[in-house]
PDB file of N, CA and C in Angstrom:
ATOM      1  N   THR A   1       0.782  -1.185   0.160  1.00  0.00           N
ATOM      2  CA  THR A   1      -0.248   0.218   0.033  1.00  0.00           C
ATOM      3  C   THR A   1       1.001   1.314  -0.230  1.00  0.00           C
ATOM      4  N   GLU A   2       0.476   2.410  -0.013  1.00  0.00           N
ATOM      5  CA  GLU A   2       0.733   3.364  -0.063  1.00  0.00           C
ATOM      6  C   GLU A   2       1.794   4.262   1.198  1.00  0.00           C
ATOM      7  N   SER A   3       1.280   3.793   2.065  1.00  0.00           N
ATOM      8  CA  SER A   3       1.805   4.012   3.392  1.00  0.00           C
ATOM      9  C   SER A   3       3.019   3.112   3.534  1.00  0.00           C
ATOM     10  N   GLU A   4       3.090   1.755   3.256  1.00  0.00           N
ATOM     11  CA  GLU A   4       3.675   1.172   3.607  1.00  0.00           C
ATOM     12  C   GLU A   4       5.178   1.574   2.498  1.00  0.00           C
ATOM     13  N   ARG A   5       5.059   1.940   1.487  1.00  0.00           N
ATOM     14  CA  ARG A   5       6.028   2.091   0.444  1.00  0.00           C
ATOM     15  C   ARG A   5       6.555   3.488   1.016  1.00  0.00           C
ATOM     16  N   SER A   6       5.659   4.621   1.732  1.00  0.00           N
ATOM     17  CA  SER A   6       6.400   5.909   1.822  1.00  0.00           C
ATOM     18  C   SER A   6       7.087   5.485   3.296  1.00  0.00           C
ATOM     19  N   LYS A   7       6.378   4.555   4.285  1.00  0.00           N
ATOM     20  CA  LYS A   7       7.358   4.204   5.840  1.00  0.00           C
ATOM     21  C   LYS A   7       8.590   3.890   5.160  1.00  0.00           C
ATOM     22  N   TYR A   8       8.253   3.011   3.909  1.00  0.00           N
ATOM     23  CA  TYR A   8      10.000   2.151   3.699  1.00  0.00           C
ATOM     24  C   TYR A   8      10.938   3.039   2.577  1.00  0.00           C
ATOM     25  N   LEU A   9      10.731   4.031   1.966  1.00  0.00           N
ATOM     26  CA  LEU A   9      11.529   5.231   1.302  1.00  0.00           C
ATOM     27  C   LEU A   9      11.796   6.177   2.896  1.00  0.00           C
ATOM     28  N   LEU A  10      11.005   6.406   3.955  1.00  0.00           N
ATOM     29  CA  LEU A  10      11.081   7.591   4.838  1.00  0.00           C
ATOM     30  C   LEU A  10      12.782   6.489   5.390  1.00  0.00           C
ATOM     31  N   ALA A  11      12.577   5.052   5.444  1.00  0.00           N
ATOM     32  CA  ALA A  11      13.695   4.439   6.140  1.00  0.00           C
ATOM     33  C   ALA A  11      14.749   4.512   5.558  1.00  0.00           C
ATOM     34  N   LEU A  12      15.025   3.870   4.040  1.00  0.00           N
ATOM     35  CA  LEU A  12      15.845   4.370   3.147  1.00  0.00           C
ATOM     36  C   LEU A  12      16.347   5.684   3.222  1.00  0.00           C
ATOM     37  N   LYS A  13      15.910   6.423   3.529  1.00  0.00           N
ATOM     38  CA  LYS A  13      16.456   7.971   3.807  1.00  0.00           C
ATOM     39  C   LYS A  13      17.305   8.554   5.038  1.00  0.00           C
ATOM     40  N   SER A  14      16.808   7.969   6.292  1.00  0.00           N
ATOM     41  CA  SER A  14      17.550   7.736   7.143  1.00  0.00           C
ATOM     42  C   SER A  14      18.845   7.263   7.041  1.00  0.00           C
ATOM     43  N   ILE A  15      18.470   5.773   6.227  1.00  0.00           N
ATOM     44  CA  ILE A  15      19.750   5.131   6.760  1.00  0.00           C
ATOM     45  C   ILE A  15      20.955   5.716   5.419  1.00  0.00           C
ATOM     46  N   LYS A  16      20.777   6.479   4.495  1.00  0.00           N
ATOM     47  CA  LYS A  16      21.422   6.396   3.873  1.00  0.00           C
ATOM     48  C   LYS A  16      22.017   7.926   4.504  1.00  0.00           C
ATOM     49  N   LYS A  17      21.544   8.572   5.103  1.00  0.00           N
ATOM     50  CA  LYS A  17      21.456  10.110   5.519  1.00  0.00           C
ATOM     51  C   LYS A  17      22.753   9.372   6.532  1.00  0.00           C
ATOM     52  N   ILE A  18      22.566   8.232   7.369  1.00  0.00           N
ATOM     53  CA  ILE A  18      23.694   7.744   8.522  1.00  0.00           C
ATOM     54  C   ILE A  18      24.906   7.239   7.676  1.00  0.00           C
ATOM     55  N   ILE A  19      24.930   6.767   7.048  1.00  0.00           N
ATOM     56  CA  ILE A  19      26.194   6.263   5.971  1.00  0.00           C
ATOM     57  C   ILE A  19      26.938   7.380   5.615  1.00  0.00           C
ATOM     58  N   GLN A  20      26.243   8.262   4.747  1.00  0.00           N
ATOM     59  CA  GLN A  20      27.069   9.754   4.248  1.00  0.00           C
ATOM     60  C   GLN A  20      27.685  10.317   5.734  1.00  0.00           C
ATOM     61  N   GLU A  21      27.086  10.540   6.755  1.00  0.00           N
ATOM     62  CA  GLU A  21      27.413  11.193   8.223  1.00  0.00           C
ATOM     63  C   GLU A  21      28.949  10.410   8.567  1.00  0.00           C
ATOM     64  N   LYS A  22      28.601   8.826   8.460  1.00  0.00           N
ATOM     65  CA  LYS A  22      29.824   8.152   9.055  1.00  0.00           C
ATOM     66  C   LYS A  22      31.314   8.297   7.839  1.00  0.00           C
ATOM     67  N   GLU A  23      30.837   8.569   6.722  1.00  0.00           N
ATOM     68  CA  GLU A  23      31.823   8.778   5.816  1.00  0.00           C
ATOM     69  C   GLU A  23      32.385   9.995   5.728  1.00  0.00           C
ATOM     70  N   LYS A  24      31.791  10.564   6.126  1.00  0.00           N
ATOM     71  CA  LYS A  24      32.081  12.035   6.409  1.00  0.00           C
ATOM     72  C   LYS A  24      33.706  12.229   7.462  1.00  0.00           C
ATOM     73  N   PRO A  25      34.601  13.123   6.929  1.00  0.00           N
ATOM     74  CA  PRO A  25      35.894  13.293   7.944  1.00  0.00           C
ATOM     75  C   PRO A  25      35.484  14.196   9.099  1.00  0.00           C
ATOM     76  N   ARG A  26      35.356  13.716  10.324  1.00  0.00           N
ATOM     77  CA  ARG A  26      34.825  14.806  11.305  1.00  0.00           C
ATOM     78  C   ARG A  26      35.489  15.363  11.507  1.00  0.00           C
ATOM     79  N   GLU A  27      35.584  16.788  12.292  1.00  0.00           N
ATOM     80  CA  GLU A  27      36.239  17.748  12.814  1.00  0.00           C
ATOM     81  C   GLU A  27      37.190  17.263  13.656  1.00  0.00           C
ATOM     82  N   LYS A  28      36.602  16.103  14.768  1.00  0.00           N
ATOM     83  CA  LYS A  28      37.560  15.831  15.873  1.00  0.00           C
ATOM     84  C   LYS A  28      39.033  14.959  15.445  1.00  0.00           C
ATOM     85  N   GLU A  29      38.308  14.471  14.623  1.00  0.00           N
ATOM     86  CA  GLU A  29      39.699  13.441  14.110  1.00  0.00           C
ATOM     87  C   GLU A  29      40.283  14.064  13.377  1.00  0.00           C
ATOM     88  N   LYS A  30      40.236  15.001  12.875  1.00  0.00           N
ATOM     89  CA  LYS A  30      41.701  15.929  11.869  1.00  0.00           C
ATOM     90  C   LYS A  30      42.352  16.629  13.186  1.00  0.00           C
ATOM     91  N   ASN A  31      43.568  16.229  12.896  1.00  0.00           N
ATOM     92  CA  ASN A  31      44.481  16.836  13.956  1.00  0.00           C
ATOM     93  C   ASN A  31      45.299  18.144  13.192  1.00  0.00           C
ATOM     94  N   LYS A  32      44.630  19.007  13.779  1.00  0.00           N
ATOM     95  CA  LYS A  32      45.172  20.400  13.590  1.00  0.00           C
ATOM     96  C   LYS A  32      45.928  20.934  14.125  1.00  0.00           C
ATOM     97  N   ASN A  33      47.193  21.521  13.599  1.00  0.00           N
ATOM     98  CA  ASN A  33      48.231  22.025  13.852  1.00  0.00           C
ATOM     99  C   ASN A  33      48.046  23.754  13.653  1.00  0.00           C
ATOM    100  N   PRO A  34      48.006  24.810  15.010  1.00  0.00           N
ATOM    101  CA  PRO A  34      48.032  25.710  14.893  1.00  0.00           C
ATOM    102  C   PRO A  34      49.330  26.615  13.858  1.00  0.00           C
ATOM    103  N   TYR A  35      50.109  25.799  13.445  1.00  0.00           N
ATOM    104  CA  TYR A  35      51.467  26.451  12.870  1.00  0.00           C
ATOM    105  C   TYR A  35      50.968  26.580  11.450  1.00  0.00           C
ATOM    106  N   LEU A  36      50.098  25.781  11.268  1.00  0.00           N
ATOM    107  CA  LEU A  36      49.702  25.513   9.031  1.00  0.00           C
ATOM    108  C   LEU A  36      48.419  26.373   9.017  1.00  0.00           C
ATOM    109  N   LYS A  37      48.698  26.608   7.610  1.00  0.00           N
ATOM    110  CA  LYS A  37      47.697  27.377   6.909  1.00  0.00           C
ATOM    111  C   LYS A  37      46.401  26.697   6.979  1.00  0.00           C
ATOM    112  N   PRO A  38      45.479  27.647   6.994  1.00  0.00           N
ATOM    113  CA  PRO A  38      43.814  27.015   7.423  1.00  0.00           C
ATOM    114  C   PRO A  38      44.110  25.846   6.424  1.00  0.00           C
ATOM    115  N   ASP A  39      44.386  25.975   4.858  1.00  0.00           N
ATOM    116  CA  ASP A  39      43.965  25.488   3.495  1.00  0.00           C
ATOM    117  C   ASP A  39      44.796  24.159   3.476  1.00  0.00           C
ATOM    118  N   GLY A  40      45.795  23.994   4.991  1.00  0.00           N
ATOM    119  CA  GLY A  40      46.441  22.626   4.903  1.00  0.00           C
ATOM    120  C   GLY A  40      47.868  22.285   4.007  1.00  0.00           C
ATOM    121  N   GLY A  41      48.549  24.054   3.823  1.00  0.00           N
ATOM    122  CA  GLY A  41      49.800  23.891   3.298  1.00  0.00           C
ATOM    123  C   GLY A  41      50.529  23.928   4.403  1.00  0.00           C
ATOM    124  N   PHE A  42      52.035  23.549   4.081  1.00  0.00           N
ATOM    125  CA  PHE A  42      52.883  23.285   4.950  1.00  0.00           C
ATOM    126  C   PHE A  42      53.407  24.488   5.162  1.00  0.00           C
ATOM    127  N   ASP A  43      53.157  25.465   4.351  1.00  0.00           N
ATOM    128  CA  ASP A  43      54.088  27.224   4.533  1.00  0.00           C
ATOM    129  C   ASP A  43      53.746  27.578   6.269  1.00  0.00           C
ATOM    130  N   LEU A  44      54.830  27.883   6.608  1.00  0.00           N
ATOM    131  CA  LEU A  44      54.495  28.383   8.479  1.00  0.00           C
ATOM    132  C   LEU A  44      53.647  29.862   8.209  1.00  0.00           C
ATOM    133  N   ILE A  45      52.763  29.812   8.745  1.00  0.00           N
ATOM    134  CA  ILE A  45      52.105  31.136   9.111  1.00  0.00           C
ATOM    135  C   ILE A  45      52.969  31.980   9.673  1.00  0.00           C
ATOM    136  N   GLU A  46      52.517  33.439   9.430  1.00  0.00           N
ATOM    137  CA  GLU A  46      53.686  34.757   9.846  1.00  0.00           C
ATOM    138  C   GLU A  46      53.346  34.777  11.398  1.00  0.00           C
ATOM    139  N   LYS A  47      52.331  34.725  12.120  1.00  0.00           N
ATOM    140  CA  LYS A  47      52.227  34.925  13.679  1.00  0.00           C
ATOM    141  C   LYS A  47      51.802  33.666  14.274  1.00  0.00           C
ATOM    142  N   PHE A  48      52.859  33.585  15.153  1.00  0.00           N
ATOM    143  CA  PHE A  48      52.377  32.208  15.666  1.00  0.00           C
ATOM    144  C   PHE A  48      51.143  32.338  17.032  1.00  0.00           C
ATOM    145  N   PRO A  49      50.465  31.619  17.266  1.00  0.00           N
ATOM    146  CA  PRO A  49      49.720  32.011  18.311  1.00  0.00           C
ATOM    147  C   PRO A  49      50.150  31.808  19.584  1.00  0.00           C
ATOM    148  N   VAL A  50      49.570  32.324  20.853  1.00  0.00           N
ATOM    149  CA  VAL A  50      50.034  32.330  22.061  1.00  0.00           C
ATOM    150  C   VAL A  50      49.427  31.484  23.083  1.00  0.00           C
ATOM    151  N   TYR A  51      50.053  30.517  23.420  1.00  0.00           N
ATOM    152  CA  TYR A  51      49.556  29.813  24.688  1.00  0.00           C
ATOM    153  C   TYR A  51      49.560  30.208  26.118  1.00  0.00           C
ATOM    154  N   GLU A  52      48.642  30.291  26.669  1.00  0.00           N
ATOM    155  CA  GLU A  52      48.822  30.837  27.976  1.00  0.00           C
ATOM    156  C   GLU A  52      49.259  29.167  28.652  1.00  0.00           C
ATOM    157  N   SER A  53      49.868  29.741  29.557  1.00  0.00           N
ATOM    158  CA  SER A  53      50.166  28.698  30.608  1.00  0.00           C
ATOM    159  C   SER A  53      49.127  27.921  31.378  1.00  0.00           C
ATOM    160  N   LYS A  54      49.153  26.826  31.325  1.00  0.00           N
ATOM    161  CA  LYS A  54      48.258  26.307  32.182  1.00  0.00           C
ATOM    162  C   LYS A  54      48.739  26.019  33.520  1.00  0.00           C
ATOM    163  N   ARG A  55      49.584  25.809  33.767  1.00  0.00           N
ATOM    164  CA  ARG A  55      50.017  25.940  35.489  1.00  0.00           C
ATOM    165  C   ARG A  55      50.095  27.269  35.809  1.00  0.00           C
ATOM    166  N   LYS A  56      48.991  26.904  36.977  1.00  0.00           N
ATOM    167  CA  LYS A  56      48.693  28.708  37.299  1.00  0.00           C
ATOM    168  C   LYS A  56      50.118  29.211  38.346  1.00  0.00           C
ATOM    169  N   GLN A  57      49.979  30.361  38.059  1.00  0.00           N
ATOM    170  CA  GLN A  57      51.439  31.482  38.544  1.00  0.00           C
ATOM    171  C   GLN A  57      51.117  31.391  40.050  1.00  0.00           C
ATOM    172  N   LYS A  58      52.636  31.043  40.599  1.00  0.00           N
ATOM    173  CA  LYS A  58      52.626  31.292  42.213  1.00  0.00           C
ATOM    174  C   LYS A  58      52.878  32.489  42.564  1.00  0.00           C
ATOM    175  N   ILE A  59      51.867  32.667  43.712  1.00  0.00           N
ATOM    176  CA  ILE A  59      52.119  34.121  43.795  1.00  0.00           C
ATOM    177  C   ILE A  59      53.221  34.471  44.796  1.00  0.00           C
ATOM    178  N   LYS A  60      53.910  35.815  44.213  1.00  0.00           N
ATOM    179  CA  LYS A  60      54.951  36.191  44.835  1.00  0.00           C
ATOM    180  C   LYS A  60      55.058  36.887  45.837  1.00  0.00           C
ATOM    181  N   ARG A  61      55.400  36.498  47.259  1.00  0.00           N
ATOM    182  CA  ARG A  61      55.216  37.331  48.403  1.00  0.00           C
ATOM    183  C   ARG A  61      56.420  38.461  48.529  1.00  0.00           C
TER     184      ARG A  61
END
């Protein structure tokens, strides 16, 4: 019937969507190096990013 067919097509669409999402490279998986250009080139950028010290500075007395 028509309702069964529409449910079947909807299920196929959702399965295709899940497969496409798994095939896409995720941003978290990419190892981003802040010293490289955003386009992925190997040339160093002009200004290096400044990293804050993760260790708390001791209070001088």
